[in-house]
Amino acid sequence: MIYLVVYDIVDDRKRAKIAGLLKDYGFRVQKSVYECRLEAGRFRELRERLGKFVDCREDSIIMYPLCADCRRGRRPLGIGHDPFEHDYLVL
């Protein structure tokens, strides 16, 4: 399943740590938005790890599941390429 992970974190240090963590799970599509391909166990792991950073009084992280039809309906403007367009990644 692909998840759209969006966050609004007040503290700059925490926000940088969250961005670094999310890079291990997916691709940045905007400043505070990542697309992550996660199986159930990996989803739980990421949710648990992210939860350690959240101050419920001022921070927010939301993980939206994206079905295949939703992903096909994407209409990016600008540089919004699809990081999961291929089943492989060349580094």
Protein backbone atom coordinates (compact mmCIF):
# COMPACT_ATOMS: atom_id res chain seq x y z
CA MET A 1 0.00 0.00 0.00
CA ILE A 2 1.18 3.50 -0.70
CA TYR A 3 0.71 6.11 2.00
CA LEU A 4 0.84 9.85 1.75
CA VAL A 5 2.55 11.10 4.92
CA VAL A 6 2.05 14.79 5.70
CA TYR A 7 3.33 16.63 8.71
CA ASP A 8 3.27 19.98 10.43
CA ILE A 9 5.94 20.08 13.14
CA VAL A 10 6.67 23.29 15.04
CA ASP A 11 10.22 22.55 16.23
CA ASP A 12 12.88 22.84 13.50
CA ARG A 13 15.09 20.08 14.95
CA LYS A 14 12.22 17.62 15.26
CA ARG A 15 11.05 18.48 11.75
CA ALA A 16 14.53 17.74 10.36
CA LYS A 17 14.67 14.41 12.20
CA ILE A 18 11.25 13.43 10.85
CA ALA A 19 12.30 14.32 7.31
CA GLY A 20 15.45 12.20 7.72
CA LEU A 21 13.42 9.29 9.07
CA LEU A 22 10.88 9.47 6.26
CA LYS A 23 13.64 9.36 3.63
CA ASP A 24 14.28 5.78 4.79
CA TYR A 25 10.66 4.86 4.02
CA GLY A 26 9.69 6.80 0.92
CA PHE A 27 10.14 9.78 -1.37
CA ARG A 28 9.72 13.46 -0.64
CA VAL A 29 7.13 14.97 -2.99
CA GLN A 30 6.89 18.36 -1.24
CA LYS A 31 8.57 19.99 1.77
CA SER A 32 6.40 18.23 4.38
CA VAL A 33 4.90 15.47 2.22
CA TYR A 34 6.23 11.98 1.50
CA GLU A 35 4.89 9.04 -0.49
CA CYS A 36 5.82 5.73 1.12
CA ARG A 37 5.26 2.18 -0.14
CA LEU A 38 4.69 0.21 3.06
CA GLU A 39 3.55 -3.28 3.94
CA ALA A 40 1.55 -3.65 7.17
CA GLY A 41 4.53 -4.32 9.44
CA ARG A 42 6.58 -1.49 8.01
CA PHE A 43 3.58 0.86 8.34
CA ARG A 44 3.26 0.02 12.05
CA GLU A 45 7.01 0.47 12.51
CA LEU A 46 6.99 3.90 10.86
CA ARG A 47 3.90 5.02 12.76
CA GLU A 48 5.52 4.02 16.05
CA ARG A 49 8.79 5.77 15.21
CA LEU A 50 7.02 8.96 14.11
CA GLY A 51 4.84 8.94 17.22
CA LYS A 52 7.91 9.48 19.39
CA PHE A 53 8.39 12.93 17.85
CA VAL A 54 4.84 14.28 18.12
CA ASP A 55 3.83 16.79 20.75
CA CYS A 56 0.04 16.39 20.63
CA ARG A 57 -0.46 20.00 21.71
CA GLU A 58 1.26 21.52 18.67
CA ASP A 59 2.32 18.91 16.07
CA SER A 60 0.50 16.86 13.48
CA ILE A 61 1.43 13.86 11.31
CA ILE A 62 -1.23 12.26 9.10
CA MET A 63 -0.79 9.06 7.07
CA TYR A 64 -3.32 8.68 4.23
CA PRO A 65 -3.60 5.35 2.39
CA LEU A 66 -3.74 5.81 -1.39
CA CYS A 67 -5.53 3.16 -3.42
CA ALA A 68 -4.41 2.35 -6.98
CA ASP A 69 -7.33 4.30 -8.49
CA CYS A 70 -6.45 7.35 -6.37
CA ARG A 71 -2.84 7.20 -7.54
CA ARG A 72 -3.88 6.90 -11.18
CA GLY A 73 -5.96 10.03 -10.68
CA ARG A 74 -2.93 12.16 -9.71
CA ARG A 75 -2.62 15.32 -11.75
CA PRO A 76 0.71 16.91 -10.80
CA LEU A 77 1.60 20.39 -11.97
CA GLY A 78 5.26 21.30 -12.16
CA ILE A 79 7.90 18.80 -11.11
CA GLY A 80 5.51 16.30 -9.47
CA HIS A 81 6.88 13.08 -11.01
CA ASP A 82 5.68 9.71 -9.71
CA PRO A 83 8.44 8.08 -7.60
CA PHE A 84 6.74 4.68 -7.89
CA GLU A 85 6.35 4.82 -11.66
CA HIS A 86 8.75 1.88 -12.00
CA ASP A 87 9.21 -1.23 -9.87
CA TYR A 88 12.92 -0.50 -9.52
CA LEU A 89 15.07 2.41 -8.44
CA VAL A 90 18.45 3.24 -9.94
CA LEU A 91 20.90 4.85 -7.52
